[in-house]
Amino acid sequence: MPETATEKIVRKPAAESIIRAEKIEKYYAQPSQNRIQVISATDLEIVPGEILALLGPSGSGKSTMLRMLTGLSRPSAGQVYWHGQPIGDTEVNVSIVFQGFALFPWLTVLENVEAPLQARGVSAEERRQRSMRMLDTVGLDGFEAAYPKELSGGMRQRVGFARALVVEPEVLFMDEPFSALDVLTAENLRSELLELWANKTMPTQAVFLVTHNIEEAVLLADRIIVLGRNPGHIRTDFRVQIPQPRDRKSEPFTQLVDYIYKVLTQPDVPAPAPEPLAGSRVRDQRQMHYQMLPHARPGGIAGLLELLLDKGGRDDIYRLANDLAFEIDDLLPIVDAAQLLGFLTIEEGDAVITESGADFANSEILRQKELFRDAAVRNILLLRQIRRAVETKSDHTVPEEFFLDMLDEQFSEEETQRQMETAIAWGRYAELFDYDAGRRRFVLPDALEEEATAGEEAT
């Protein structure tokens, strides 16, 4: 995986669609002059900068829709356009990752990835360079000479991703790509797909995912379309208003899963767009999501709480500043930080220590770190997200740029950097995560130690 991100995980769609379907239908004529309608007249657009998930019950025409949008199958009526041109009259730059791995068993991993380039007449040297680069991107460096039978299911699907991406498709179509994998392997591949998308390492402008897994769609997609059946038709089409990374246990996530489940299981009930989700916002309305972290050090917070405890647990803020020979503007960030962590409250201009603040002030350093960690995870969204992200990732590392991209929607460039510096200082102190400055990545403390040990053993 790449070490830095250069694009925001949620990209703003351009005005022009890449693929536009107008009133497309699919039906099969019968000798009786009747016809079997598979998909009724449907309009659909795929635009740059989004992952679009298509959900629907069995028989709703999901895979049929995919084939029509890619040009593999002609609509019985209506038209599909590629950048405004009928799809049959222009060159279409798409790739498909299938549910089955669909690899050539007699070819090596490298030869499988090179196959579509060879079909396009790309020279042998360029084929090899591009294929090796893509294998490295999907984490298969070193397996070039292996045959498919020597690989696990997850590794074979990685080959499928590499083969689809090596031609640098403008739209990547995926037809149930994780359904043949075990739960853990599928989860790892989903996480890695999101990171490739966030870092713009994938040479593609849009992703179209066909799936029957509701949680998978909510986890990955920027936009979700749910089909009904008999015949296939769009029941609902909406944007997912939950920032990445998404927590399966959060209320907005579970609300959206429940909404989609009801749409799928109640085909005769109207399906309006989902109600605004509790605790969620689209990115340009997220100002309340990230608290402004006061630029205070944990040691300063501890010192203030000890001083307050010595004064009976309460004192006037201005008197505190005077006793410490501080300007009030120098003390306020420390007060604000302690308040944000729940260690003190402000009452009529007085700083009042809380029970947890008193516990923190009275504890030894290791216990203080533990209390700080609990308070940070409980009260500060950014630290909670970073910790959850490094715990969830298979390699327990996440690029700093991933979170900088989200912060800069709310803060200025300078303040975004300061917020990140404070978050790193607090996270390190609390041992929530460590920070690899050379690679600009967050890591679990144990992961960094193991990596260093492995490096020493290798030398």
Foldseek 3Di string as FASTA:
>chain_A
DALAADAALQDDWDPFFQKWWFQFWAWAADPVRDIQTAAGGAIDTHTFRWEEEEAADPSQCLVVVVCCRQVVDPTPDTFMDGRNHTPVVDDAFEFEQEQDLPFDQVAFLLCRLLVVVVVVVHDPVVSNVLLQVLCVLLPNNPRRGHGPVVDDPLVSSSSSVSSRQSSLGQEYEYEANQVVDDPVSSLQVLLSVSQCSRRVVRSYGYYYYYDNDLLSCLQRTQKYWYWYPPHTYTQDIGGRQADPPDDCPDQQNVQSSVLNVCCRVVVPDRRYDDDDTPPTGHLLPCQVPFDQQQLDAPVLLLVVLLVCVVVVQKDALVVVCVVVVHDSVVCVSSLVNCVLLVQWDADPRMTGGDPLVNVLNPDDLVVVLQSLLVSCCVRGPVLVNLLVSLVSHPLSKDAQNNVLSSCVSHDPNVSSVSSSVSSQNSCVSSQSWHADVVSRMTGRPVSVVVVVVVVVVVD
